[in-house]
Amino acid sequence: MAVAPGTSPTIVEYFEGEDFYRCGYCKNETGSRSNGMWAHSMTVQDYQALIDRGWRRSGKYVYKPVMNQTCCPQYTIRCRPLHFQPSKSHKKVLKKMFKFLSKGEFSRGNNEEEPMDSQMDDGAVDDFVLKSKLDIQPDHRPLSEDCKEVIESEVKEKEENLEAKETKELNQSHAKKEKLGFGEPSGSAKVLPSAPKPGKGADLSKPPCRKAKDIRKERKRQKLILKSQTDKLEGFQIQHEPQPLPPEKPKLNQPKSIEDFIFDTLPEDAAHQLEVRVVRSSPPSSQFKATFQESYQVYKRYQMVIHQDPPDKPTVSQVRLVPVSFEDPEFKSSFRQSLSLYAKYQMAIHKDTEAECGEAEFTRFLCSSPLEGQYRPSDLLCPETYVWVPIEQCLPALENSKYCRFNQDTKAVDEERVNELDRLRVLYKRTIMPYNIYKKRQKGPSDEAIVQQYADLVGQTCSERMLLFRS
């Protein structure tokens, strides 16, 4: 594949065999195993293709863990931002942010959180349905007087039946209460309540309270009346003139997408405004430099207050943008402080012993936090077939074994496995050539086994696009 003009192709130098080194997670001296190569140059396209095959990078050193042999397998995870599904907690944060921008309100505590849709009471749902029904304005011709009289008589008859039924139920309930509470017959004399003393009892100037059961009955009665009227009108209209198919009803309780929250329009009198700017980082623009200086000042204050550093020690070069090494003295110091706080927390809250709060347990706690998996949809890369599998399908298998094949199809294989090694590209004596030409020019013992291992790890596409350096 030809390289775009003005860009350098990927040039890698593969290291023979497997590397054994100290694991940064479980501290096993020789437990971590991987294959590696040095990237003299690399394009973004090739880097992405290697990531999709489980490769990782530390500086210019690119390595791929031997998943079925290493002590702590490192699975590749991805989150698809274009299909992001916000969780309930994400939606709450977005709602709070919108409320803060529009009204300047800032929630402090769980009591001020907005209720979820599932927590709406029946009354609110009934009101919504009733309001929707009342908003219906069917297009119909005026009804005749006879038809109106028929409808009114039927509605009146239903109302009388409902009232009689409700009265009967209320009388039965009163009779039961009298028998259970006072042992008197239902026809006994009732004592009228006297006026309450000031400051005590119910306020007689206000209407009496109603039970939720009675309120629901009243709403049901109103809905039946409205439904009967609507049915009669629609039936009369259908008999006299044909009607087109009714439009589809909008789905109720449809969950909002992330776009619905982000693109909510702020009112004109919003308390705050949110502005997002895209600035150039390479070469750095003036806005990028200003932002970096602000981050550096925050870092400097943190180091001086928390770690008691002198004002001249926190330098710009210490604001790191890449992960530090496990052998870094500063990292070791910070790790020890975090370990001490973790041990105190576990012993105080969970009553753990000091032996149960060691360095290995703390490292396992850090590495087992599924922060990436909290975002949906998330996928894990199958270490054998290199296909993406939803994380929900992978977690049960990982509970039983640290190494798993996620692809459930037992017949599936790596589609990128190398079938034609001769098409692999080699950089030999500053000349780009296919591997079959390199074999003819090569002097010394054959290195076909090493090249085959490299090709199997990077895949057919990358082997034909990247340049394997051979001396």
Protein backbone atom coordinates (compact mmCIF):
# COMPACT_ATOMS: atom_id res chain seq x y z
CA MET A 1 0.00 0.00 0.00
CA ALA A 2 1.43 3.34 -1.00
CA VAL A 3 2.18 5.88 1.70
CA ALA A 4 0.59 9.32 1.43
CA PRO A 5 2.98 12.01 0.18
CA GLY A 6 4.75 13.91 2.92
CA THR A 7 4.23 11.21 5.56
CA SER A 8 6.70 8.67 6.86
CA PRO A 9 5.68 5.00 6.81
CA THR A 10 5.67 2.90 9.97
CA ILE A 11 9.11 1.39 10.59
CA VAL A 12 9.38 -1.18 13.40
CA GLU A 13 12.16 -3.38 14.72
CA TYR A 14 10.79 -6.61 16.17
CA PHE A 15 12.53 -8.25 19.15
CA GLU A 16 12.87 -12.02 19.04
CA GLY A 17 11.16 -14.16 21.66
CA GLU A 18 9.23 -13.06 24.74
CA ASP A 19 10.18 -10.57 27.43
CA PHE A 20 9.95 -11.57 31.10
CA TYR A 21 9.86 -8.71 33.57
CA ARG A 22 8.47 -7.64 36.93
CA CYS A 23 4.71 -7.16 36.93
CA GLY A 24 3.59 -3.71 38.00
CA TYR A 25 0.29 -5.07 39.32
CA CYS A 26 1.02 -8.15 41.42
CA LYS A 27 4.82 -7.50 41.81
CA ASN A 28 5.72 -10.94 40.42
CA GLU A 29 9.40 -10.63 39.46
CA THR A 30 9.10 -12.63 36.21
CA GLY A 31 5.33 -13.05 35.86
CA SER A 32 4.68 -10.44 33.17
CA ARG A 33 5.26 -11.74 29.64
CA SER A 34 4.93 -9.90 26.35
CA ASN A 35 6.22 -9.58 22.80
CA GLY A 36 7.65 -6.22 21.83
CA MET A 37 9.11 -4.08 19.07
CA TRP A 38 10.63 -0.63 18.74
CA ALA A 39 8.76 1.89 16.59
CA HIS A 40 11.20 4.19 14.78
CA SER A 41 8.14 5.85 13.23
CA MET A 42 4.44 5.04 13.20
CA THR A 43 1.33 6.38 11.50
CA VAL A 44 -1.96 6.90 13.31
CA GLN A 45 -3.65 4.36 11.04
CA ASP A 46 -1.17 1.61 11.93
CA TYR A 47 -1.24 2.50 15.63
CA GLN A 48 -5.05 2.12 15.67
CA ALA A 49 -4.81 -1.21 13.84
CA LEU A 50 -2.31 -2.49 16.41
CA ILE A 51 -4.52 -1.36 19.30
CA ASP A 52 -7.38 -3.33 17.74
CA ARG A 53 -5.16 -6.41 17.98
CA GLY A 54 -4.29 -5.92 21.65
CA TRP A 55 -1.01 -4.00 21.32
CA ARG A 56 0.00 -1.29 23.80
CA ARG A 57 2.58 1.47 23.85
CA SER A 58 5.03 3.00 26.30
CA GLY A 59 6.90 5.75 24.53
CA LYS A 60 8.31 4.23 21.34
CA TYR A 61 8.25 0.71 22.77
CA VAL A 62 5.19 -1.18 21.50
CA TYR A 63 4.31 -4.45 23.21
CA LYS A 64 1.60 -7.11 23.23
CA PRO A 65 1.02 -9.16 26.41
CA VAL A 66 1.00 -12.94 26.05
CA MET A 67 -2.51 -13.15 27.42
CA ASN A 68 -2.65 -16.87 28.21
CA GLN A 69 0.71 -16.84 30.04
CA THR A 70 1.14 -13.46 31.71
CA CYS A 71 0.25 -13.20 35.40
CA CYS A 72 -2.15 -10.27 34.96
CA PRO A 73 -3.89 -10.31 31.53
CA GLN A 74 -4.56 -6.83 30.15
CA TYR A 75 -7.69 -6.79 28.03
CA THR A 76 -8.31 -4.04 25.51
CA ILE A 77 -11.54 -2.14 26.15
CA ARG A 78 -13.33 0.40 24.01
CA CYS A 79 -16.29 2.72 24.51
CA ARG A 80 -18.20 3.83 21.42
CA PRO A 81 -18.91 7.54 21.98
CA LEU A 82 -21.29 7.88 19.02
CA HIS A 83 -23.58 5.28 20.64
CA PHE A 84 -23.10 6.43 24.23
CA GLN A 85 -25.94 5.47 26.58
CA PRO A 86 -26.07 7.68 29.69
CA SER A 87 -26.88 5.96 32.97
CA LYS A 88 -29.22 7.33 35.66
CA SER A 89 -26.34 8.95 37.50
CA HIS A 90 -25.10 10.58 34.28
CA LYS A 91 -28.57 11.99 33.61
CA LYS A 92 -28.78 13.41 37.12
CA VAL A 93 -25.46 15.18 36.65
CA LEU A 94 -26.60 16.63 33.31
CA LYS A 95 -29.87 17.83 34.85
CA LYS A 96 -28.04 19.47 37.74
CA MET A 97 -25.64 21.16 35.32
CA PHE A 98 -28.49 22.48 33.18
CA LYS A 99 -30.30 23.75 36.29
CA PHE A 100 -27.12 25.51 37.42
CA LEU A 101 -26.59 27.16 34.02
CA SER A 102 -30.20 28.24 33.56
CA LYS A 103 -31.22 29.21 37.12
CA GLY A 104 -27.98 29.32 39.06
CA GLU A 105 -29.25 26.65 41.46
CA PHE A 106 -26.74 24.26 42.95
CA SER A 107 -28.02 21.05 44.58
CA ARG A 108 -26.44 20.05 47.88
CA GLY A 109 -27.53 16.60 48.95
CA ASN A 110 -29.81 13.88 47.73
CA ASN A 111 -33.05 15.51 48.92
CA GLU A 112 -33.03 18.02 46.09
CA GLU A 113 -32.59 15.50 43.31
CA GLU A 114 -35.27 15.38 40.67
CA PRO A 115 -37.56 12.35 40.89
CA MET A 116 -37.13 9.67 38.26
CA ASP A 117 -39.93 8.79 35.85
CA SER A 118 -40.55 5.49 37.63
CA GLN A 119 -41.30 7.34 40.88
CA MET A 120 -44.30 9.28 39.53
CA ASP A 121 -47.50 8.57 41.43
CA ASP A 122 -50.65 7.29 39.83
CA GLY A 123 -52.30 10.66 40.19
CA ALA A 124 -49.73 12.39 38.05
CA VAL A 125 -50.06 9.76 35.33
CA ASP A 126 -53.86 10.02 35.40
CA ASP A 127 -53.67 13.80 35.13
CA PHE A 128 -51.39 13.49 32.13
CA VAL A 129 -53.75 11.04 30.39
CA LEU A 130 -56.77 13.16 31.23
CA LYS A 131 -55.07 16.28 29.89
CA SER A 132 -54.17 14.50 26.68
CA LYS A 133 -57.77 13.41 26.23
CA LEU A 134 -59.09 16.93 26.81
CA ASP A 135 -56.72 18.34 24.22
CA ILE A 136 -58.34 16.16 21.50
CA GLN A 137 -60.41 18.29 19.15
CA PRO A 138 -61.89 15.98 16.52
CA ASP A 139 -62.98 17.48 13.24
CA HIS A 140 -66.70 16.62 12.94
CA ARG A 141 -69.96 18.03 11.73
CA PRO A 142 -72.61 19.35 14.18
CA LEU A 143 -74.74 16.55 15.60
CA SER A 144 -78.46 16.49 15.41
CA GLU A 145 -80.59 17.17 18.49
CA ASP A 146 -81.74 13.53 18.68
CA CYS A 147 -78.20 12.25 18.71
CA LYS A 148 -77.25 14.73 21.45
CA GLU A 149 -80.16 13.63 23.61
CA VAL A 150 -79.20 9.96 23.26
CA ILE A 151 -75.61 10.65 24.28
CA GLU A 152 -76.63 12.82 27.24
CA SER A 153 -79.10 10.21 28.51
CA GLU A 154 -76.49 7.43 28.31
CA VAL A 155 -73.91 9.58 30.13
CA LYS A 156 -76.44 10.48 32.83
CA GLU A 157 -77.35 6.80 33.27
CA LYS A 158 -73.69 5.84 33.72
CA GLU A 159 -73.20 8.62 36.25
CA GLU A 160 -76.18 7.44 38.30
CA ASN A 161 -74.93 3.85 38.27
CA LEU A 162 -71.48 4.95 39.44
CA GLU A 163 -72.90 7.15 42.20
CA ALA A 164 -75.16 4.34 43.45
CA LYS A 165 -72.25 1.91 43.49
CA GLU A 166 -70.00 4.36 45.37
CA THR A 167 -72.76 5.09 47.91
CA LYS A 168 -73.27 1.38 48.52
CA GLU A 169 -69.54 0.82 49.07
CA LEU A 170 -69.30 3.76 51.48
CA ASN A 171 -72.31 2.52 53.52
CA GLN A 172 -70.82 -0.96 53.77
CA SER A 173 -67.47 0.42 54.92
CA HIS A 174 -69.19 2.60 57.59
CA ALA A 175 -71.18 -0.37 58.83
CA LYS A 176 -68.03 -2.51 59.18
CA LYS A 177 -66.24 0.23 61.08
CA GLU A 178 -69.17 0.66 63.49
CA LYS A 179 -69.41 -3.07 64.21
CA LEU A 180 -65.66 -3.46 64.72
CA GLY A 181 -65.00 -0.23 66.60
CA PHE A 182 -68.07 0.36 68.78
CA GLY A 183 -70.15 -2.78 68.65
CA GLU A 184 -73.25 -0.77 67.67
CA PRO A 185 -75.59 -1.35 64.76
CA SER A 186 -75.34 0.77 61.68
CA GLY A 187 -78.46 2.69 62.56
CA SER A 188 -77.21 3.97 65.94
CA ALA A 189 -77.18 7.66 66.64
CA LYS A 190 -74.05 9.59 65.65
CA VAL A 191 -72.41 12.22 67.83
CA LEU A 192 -71.74 15.43 65.97
CA PRO A 193 -68.17 16.69 66.33
CA SER A 194 -67.80 19.80 68.43
CA ALA A 195 -65.74 22.78 67.33
CA PRO A 196 -62.06 22.21 68.12
CA LYS A 197 -60.16 24.37 70.50
CA PRO A 198 -57.97 27.11 69.02
CA GLY A 199 -54.68 25.66 67.74
CA LYS A 200 -55.93 22.07 67.88
CA GLY A 201 -57.78 19.83 65.46
CA ALA A 202 -58.79 20.39 61.85
CA ASP A 203 -59.39 23.81 60.31
CA LEU A 204 -63.16 23.99 59.67
CA SER A 205 -62.71 26.88 57.26
CA LYS A 206 -60.96 24.53 54.79
CA PRO A 207 -62.66 21.72 52.82
CA PRO A 208 -62.40 18.27 54.44
CA CYS A 209 -59.55 16.01 53.38
CA ARG A 210 -60.33 13.30 50.87
CA LYS A 211 -58.96 9.81 50.80
CA ALA A 212 -56.75 8.75 47.92
CA LYS A 213 -59.25 5.99 47.12
CA ASP A 214 -62.07 8.51 46.69
CA ILE A 215 -59.90 10.75 44.52
CA ARG A 216 -59.01 7.82 42.26
CA LYS A 217 -62.67 6.88 41.93
CA GLU A 218 -63.54 10.44 40.95
CA ARG A 219 -60.83 10.50 38.30
CA LYS A 220 -61.96 7.14 36.94
CA ARG A 221 -65.53 8.38 36.74
CA GLN A 222 -64.45 11.49 34.81
CA LYS A 223 -62.39 9.41 32.42
CA LEU A 224 -65.32 7.07 31.74
CA ILE A 225 -67.60 10.04 31.02
CA LEU A 226 -65.07 11.59 28.68
CA LYS A 227 -64.40 8.27 26.94
CA SER A 228 -68.09 7.62 26.35
CA GLN A 229 -68.53 11.09 24.83
CA THR A 230 -65.48 10.66 22.61
CA ASP A 231 -66.56 7.19 21.46
CA LYS A 232 -70.02 8.42 20.54
CA LEU A 233 -68.66 11.37 18.58
CA GLU A 234 -66.14 9.22 16.73
CA GLY A 235 -68.74 6.52 15.98
CA PHE A 236 -71.21 9.03 14.59
CA GLN A 237 -68.52 10.63 12.47
CA ILE A 238 -67.26 7.31 11.06
CA GLN A 239 -70.81 6.38 10.02
CA HIS A 240 -71.28 9.57 8.02
CA GLU A 241 -67.85 10.20 6.46
CA PRO A 242 -64.65 8.12 6.19
CA GLN A 243 -61.68 9.18 8.28
CA PRO A 244 -57.97 8.74 7.46
CA LEU A 245 -55.87 6.49 9.65
CA PRO A 246 -55.07 8.17 12.98
CA PRO A 247 -51.47 9.24 13.51
CA GLU A 248 -49.28 7.12 15.71
CA LYS A 249 -49.50 8.03 19.37
CA PRO A 250 -46.29 9.39 20.87
CA LYS A 251 -44.50 6.95 23.14
CA LEU A 252 -44.77 7.90 26.78
CA ASN A 253 -41.82 7.66 29.19
CA GLN A 254 -39.34 7.52 26.31
CA PRO A 255 -35.83 7.86 27.81
CA LYS A 256 -33.84 10.90 26.77
CA SER A 257 -30.66 10.48 24.76
CA ILE A 258 -27.41 12.26 25.54
CA GLU A 259 -28.15 14.73 22.71
CA ASP A 260 -31.45 15.72 24.34
CA PHE A 261 -29.56 16.80 27.45
CA ILE A 262 -26.61 18.46 25.71
CA PHE A 263 -28.60 20.44 23.15
CA ASP A 264 -31.20 21.76 25.59
CA THR A 265 -31.69 25.45 24.82
CA LEU A 266 -30.86 27.77 27.68
CA PRO A 267 -33.31 30.60 28.40
CA GLU A 268 -32.37 34.13 27.39
CA ASP A 269 -32.00 35.17 31.04
CA ALA A 270 -29.77 32.21 31.96
CA ALA A 271 -27.67 32.72 35.09
CA HIS A 272 -24.53 31.25 33.49
CA GLN A 273 -23.17 30.51 30.04
CA LEU A 274 -21.01 27.55 28.98
CA GLU A 275 -18.47 28.14 26.23
CA VAL A 276 -16.40 25.36 24.62
CA ARG A 277 -13.33 26.28 22.60
CA VAL A 278 -11.10 24.10 20.44
CA VAL A 279 -7.47 25.26 20.58
CA ARG A 280 -4.40 24.07 18.71
CA SER A 281 -1.86 22.15 20.80
CA SER A 282 0.84 21.44 18.17
CA PRO A 283 2.28 23.93 17.55
CA PRO A 284 0.80 25.37 20.74
CA SER A 285 -1.47 28.36 20.29
CA SER A 286 -1.65 31.26 22.74
CA GLN A 287 -4.91 29.89 24.20
CA PHE A 288 -3.33 26.48 24.74
CA LYS A 289 -0.33 28.05 26.50
CA ALA A 290 -2.62 30.05 28.76
CA THR A 291 -4.63 26.94 29.65
CA PHE A 292 -1.47 24.98 30.36
CA GLN A 293 -0.20 27.72 32.67
CA GLU A 294 -3.47 27.63 34.60
CA SER A 295 -3.12 23.85 35.05
CA TYR A 296 0.46 24.30 36.17
CA GLN A 297 -0.52 26.86 38.82
CA VAL A 298 -3.15 24.45 40.21
CA TYR A 299 -0.55 21.65 40.30
CA LYS A 300 1.97 23.95 42.00
CA ARG A 301 -0.46 24.95 44.76
CA TYR A 302 -1.39 21.31 45.33
CA GLN A 303 2.25 20.23 45.68
CA MET A 304 3.04 23.08 48.10
CA VAL A 305 -0.04 22.53 50.31
CA ILE A 306 -0.30 18.73 50.33
CA HIS A 307 3.33 17.62 49.94
CA GLN A 308 4.94 20.70 51.54
CA ASP A 309 7.17 21.29 48.50
CA PRO A 310 9.14 24.55 48.35
CA PRO A 311 7.89 27.13 45.81
CA ASP A 312 10.78 26.48 43.41
CA LYS A 313 10.43 22.68 43.26
CA PRO A 314 7.16 22.16 41.31
CA THR A 315 8.44 22.93 37.79
CA VAL A 316 6.61 22.87 34.48
CA SER A 317 8.42 19.69 33.47
CA GLN A 318 6.84 17.89 36.43
CA VAL A 319 3.35 18.36 35.03
CA ARG A 320 3.39 14.94 33.38
CA LEU A 321 1.13 14.02 30.52
CA VAL A 322 2.09 10.29 30.43
CA PRO A 323 1.93 7.59 33.12
CA VAL A 324 4.97 7.42 35.39
CA SER A 325 7.06 4.30 35.90
CA PHE A 326 6.44 2.02 38.86
CA GLU A 327 10.11 2.48 39.73
CA ASP A 328 9.81 6.28 39.90
CA PRO A 329 10.75 7.49 43.46
CA GLU A 330 7.98 10.13 43.41
CA PHE A 331 5.43 7.54 42.36
CA LYS A 332 6.61 5.16 45.08
CA SER A 333 6.20 7.89 47.69
CA SER A 334 2.66 8.75 46.51
CA PHE A 335 1.80 5.04 46.31
CA ARG A 336 2.91 4.50 49.94
CA GLN A 337 0.76 7.39 51.14
CA SER A 338 -2.29 6.03 49.31
CA LEU A 339 -1.60 2.54 50.67
CA SER A 340 -1.51 3.91 54.24
CA LEU A 341 -4.88 5.65 53.79
CA TYR A 342 -6.36 2.51 52.22
CA ALA A 343 -5.20 0.36 55.15
CA LYS A 344 -6.68 2.77 57.71
CA TYR A 345 -10.00 2.83 55.87
CA GLN A 346 -10.24 -0.97 55.54
CA MET A 347 -9.37 -1.57 59.22
CA ALA A 348 -11.77 1.11 60.50
CA ILE A 349 -14.76 0.50 58.22
CA HIS A 350 -14.51 -3.15 57.16
CA LYS A 351 -12.66 -4.38 60.29
CA ASP A 352 -9.87 -5.94 58.20
CA THR A 353 -6.64 -7.02 59.84
CA GLU A 354 -3.35 -5.31 59.05
CA ALA A 355 -2.22 -8.39 57.12
CA GLU A 356 -5.29 -8.12 54.84
CA CYS A 357 -4.41 -4.55 53.86
CA GLY A 358 -1.03 -5.19 52.28
CA GLU A 359 0.47 -3.81 49.10
CA ALA A 360 -0.69 -6.72 46.94
CA GLU A 361 -4.31 -6.35 48.10
CA PHE A 362 -4.22 -2.58 47.51
CA THR A 363 -2.81 -3.06 43.98
CA ARG A 364 -5.51 -5.63 43.23
CA PHE A 365 -8.12 -3.16 44.49
CA LEU A 366 -6.80 -0.43 42.15
CA CYS A 367 -6.61 -2.72 39.14
CA SER A 368 -10.05 -4.24 39.69
CA SER A 369 -11.97 -0.95 39.66
CA PRO A 370 -14.14 -1.17 36.48
CA LEU A 371 -14.10 2.56 35.72
CA GLU A 372 -14.10 2.12 31.95
CA GLY A 373 -16.85 -0.49 32.13
CA GLN A 374 -19.24 2.01 33.73
CA TYR A 375 -19.79 3.64 30.35
CA ARG A 376 -22.14 1.98 27.88
CA PRO A 377 -21.77 0.54 25.37
CA SER A 378 -18.35 -0.92 26.26
CA ASP A 379 -16.69 -3.84 24.49
CA LEU A 380 -13.74 -6.11 25.27
CA LEU A 381 -11.38 -7.48 22.64
CA CYS A 382 -11.29 -11.26 22.31
CA PRO A 383 -7.62 -12.26 22.76
CA GLU A 384 -7.87 -15.10 20.23
CA THR A 385 -10.14 -13.94 17.39
CA TYR A 386 -9.71 -10.15 17.86
CA VAL A 387 -13.40 -9.31 17.64
CA TRP A 388 -15.21 -6.90 19.97
CA VAL A 389 -17.64 -8.48 22.43
CA PRO A 390 -20.05 -6.52 24.72
CA ILE A 391 -18.64 -6.30 28.23
CA GLU A 392 -21.86 -7.67 29.76
CA GLN A 393 -21.17 -11.00 28.05
CA CYS A 394 -17.53 -11.06 29.21
CA LEU A 395 -17.86 -10.27 32.93
CA PRO A 396 -19.41 -13.62 33.98
CA ALA A 397 -16.51 -15.50 32.38
CA LEU A 398 -13.91 -13.23 34.00
CA GLU A 399 -15.41 -13.97 37.40
CA ASN A 400 -14.29 -17.60 37.03
CA SER A 401 -10.99 -17.23 35.17
CA LYS A 402 -8.51 -14.41 34.60
CA TYR A 403 -7.93 -15.52 31.00
CA CYS A 404 -10.95 -16.02 28.75
CA ARG A 405 -11.84 -16.34 25.10
CA PHE A 406 -14.80 -14.01 24.70
CA ASN A 407 -15.94 -15.13 21.25
CA GLN A 408 -18.54 -17.84 21.84
CA ASP A 409 -18.17 -19.21 18.31
CA THR A 410 -15.75 -22.10 18.77
CA LYS A 411 -15.12 -22.32 15.01
CA ALA A 412 -14.17 -18.65 14.66
CA VAL A 413 -10.50 -17.87 13.98
CA ASP A 414 -8.37 -14.78 13.50
CA GLU A 415 -9.42 -13.34 10.15
CA GLU A 416 -6.19 -11.33 9.96
CA ARG A 417 -3.87 -14.31 10.31
CA VAL A 418 -1.07 -14.27 7.76
CA ASN A 419 -1.54 -16.65 4.87
CA GLU A 420 1.04 -15.21 2.48
CA LEU A 421 4.29 -14.31 4.19
CA ASP A 422 5.91 -13.32 0.89
CA ARG A 423 3.78 -10.14 0.75
CA LEU A 424 5.17 -8.86 4.06
CA ARG A 425 7.18 -5.64 3.58
CA VAL A 426 10.78 -5.37 4.75
CA LEU A 427 13.20 -2.46 5.01
CA TYR A 428 16.62 -3.95 4.18
CA LYS A 429 19.71 -1.81 3.50
CA ARG A 430 17.51 1.30 3.07
CA THR A 431 15.46 -0.45 0.43
CA ILE A 432 11.78 -1.40 0.69
CA MET A 433 11.07 -4.86 -0.67
CA PRO A 434 8.67 -7.79 -0.17
CA TYR A 435 9.80 -10.64 2.01
CA ASN A 436 10.31 -13.10 -0.88
CA ILE A 437 12.91 -10.75 -2.44
CA TYR A 438 14.55 -10.21 0.96
CA LYS A 439 14.95 -13.99 1.42
CA LYS A 440 16.96 -14.22 -1.77
CA ARG A 441 19.28 -11.35 -0.77
CA GLN A 442 19.63 -12.36 2.87
CA LYS A 443 22.97 -13.70 4.03
CA GLY A 444 23.33 -15.93 7.06
CA PRO A 445 20.80 -18.15 8.86
CA SER A 446 17.13 -17.90 7.99
CA ASP A 447 14.94 -15.73 10.21
CA GLU A 448 11.64 -16.94 8.79
CA ALA A 449 10.39 -18.21 12.20
CA ILE A 450 10.89 -14.77 13.76
CA VAL A 451 9.24 -13.01 10.83
CA GLN A 452 6.32 -15.45 10.97
CA GLN A 453 5.82 -14.71 14.69
CA TYR A 454 5.86 -10.97 13.99
CA ALA A 455 3.34 -11.34 11.15
CA ASP A 456 0.95 -13.42 13.28
CA LEU A 457 0.98 -10.77 16.01
CA VAL A 458 0.46 -7.69 13.80
CA GLY A 459 -1.90 -9.33 11.28
CA GLN A 460 -1.98 -9.52 7.50
CA THR A 461 -2.99 -5.90 6.86
CA CYS A 462 -0.29 -4.33 9.06
CA SER A 463 2.38 -6.73 7.82
CA GLU A 464 1.75 -5.56 4.25
CA ARG A 465 1.64 -1.86 5.25
CA MET A 466 4.34 -1.45 7.90
CA LEU A 467 8.09 -1.88 7.25
CA LEU A 468 9.96 -4.52 9.25
CA PHE A 469 13.53 -3.35 9.74
CA ARG A 470 16.14 -6.03 9.06
CA SER A 471 19.89 -5.47 9.32
